[in-house]
Protein backbone atom coordinates (compact mmCIF):
# COMPACT_ATOMS: atom_id res chain seq x y z
CA MET A 1 47.29 57.20 60.78
CA TYR A 2 44.01 59.13 60.99
CA GLU A 3 43.20 57.86 64.47
CA ARG A 4 46.73 58.60 65.72
CA CYS A 5 46.41 62.17 64.49
CA ILE A 6 43.04 62.58 66.20
CA VAL A 7 44.35 61.12 69.47
CA PHE A 8 47.37 63.44 69.32
CA VAL A 9 45.12 66.48 68.86
CA ILE A 10 42.87 65.31 71.73
CA VAL A 11 45.87 64.94 74.05
CA PHE A 12 47.22 68.34 73.01
CA SER A 13 43.77 69.87 73.53
CA ASN A 14 43.61 68.42 77.04
CA ILE A 15 47.06 69.82 77.84
CA ALA A 16 45.92 73.26 76.64
CA MET A 17 42.78 73.03 78.81
CA CYS A 18 44.93 72.13 81.83
CA ALA A 19 47.05 75.21 81.21
CA GLU A 20 44.06 77.54 81.46
CA SER A 21 43.61 79.31 84.76
CA PRO A 22 41.26 81.99 86.07
CA LEU A 23 44.32 83.67 87.57
CA LEU A 24 45.78 84.48 84.14
CA SER A 25 45.43 88.07 83.03
CA PRO A 26 43.14 88.37 79.98
CA ASP A 27 45.80 90.53 78.32
CA SER A 28 48.69 88.12 78.85
CA LEU A 29 50.35 86.37 75.92
CA THR A 30 49.64 82.98 77.47
CA GLN A 31 45.90 83.68 77.63
CA LYS A 32 45.85 84.97 74.05
CA VAL A 33 47.62 81.82 72.79
CA LEU A 34 45.22 79.62 74.76
CA ASP A 35 42.25 81.50 73.27
CA ILE A 36 43.58 80.94 69.75
CA LEU A 37 44.15 77.25 70.50
CA THR A 38 40.58 76.96 71.77
CA TYR A 39 39.25 78.21 68.43
CA PHE A 40 41.65 75.95 66.53
CA PHE A 41 40.56 72.84 68.45
CA ALA A 42 36.87 73.70 68.10
CA GLY A 43 37.29 74.09 64.35
CA PHE A 44 39.37 70.94 64.06
CA PHE A 45 36.85 68.79 65.92
CA PHE A 46 33.96 70.33 63.97
CA ILE A 47 35.66 69.47 60.68
CA GLU A 48 36.40 65.96 61.96
CA ALA A 49 32.71 65.45 62.81
CA VAL A 50 31.55 66.78 59.43
CA LEU A 51 33.97 64.50 57.57
CA LYS A 52 32.88 61.46 59.57
CA ILE A 53 29.21 62.28 58.93
CA MET A 54 29.92 62.60 55.21
CA VAL A 55 31.78 59.28 55.08
CA LEU A 56 29.67 57.19 57.47
CA GLY A 57 26.28 58.82 57.11
CA PHE A 58 24.47 60.46 60.01
CA VAL A 59 21.84 57.98 61.25
CA SER A 60 20.26 55.93 58.51
CA ASN A 61 23.33 54.46 56.84
CA GLY A 62 23.34 51.15 58.68
CA HIS A 63 25.13 49.91 61.77
CA PHE A 64 28.25 52.08 61.24
CA SER A 65 26.45 55.42 60.98
CA TYR A 66 27.96 58.33 62.88
CA MET A 67 25.21 58.43 65.52
CA ARG A 68 24.99 54.64 65.85
CA ASN A 69 28.73 53.99 66.15
């Protein structure tokens, strides 16, 4: 269930990145929503990394450590 949720968020993040365009006005609603989504995804992936580091260990927790996996 956890991995499915992460994959869903990754796919949704990629769709949001594809929707970004330099031609969008910075004041448009679409650009504002995309900016908010960018912060949401950054926070989500940061929290995911922190949780994995807490559970698996960073480096010195054996073969399944976060940096060795």
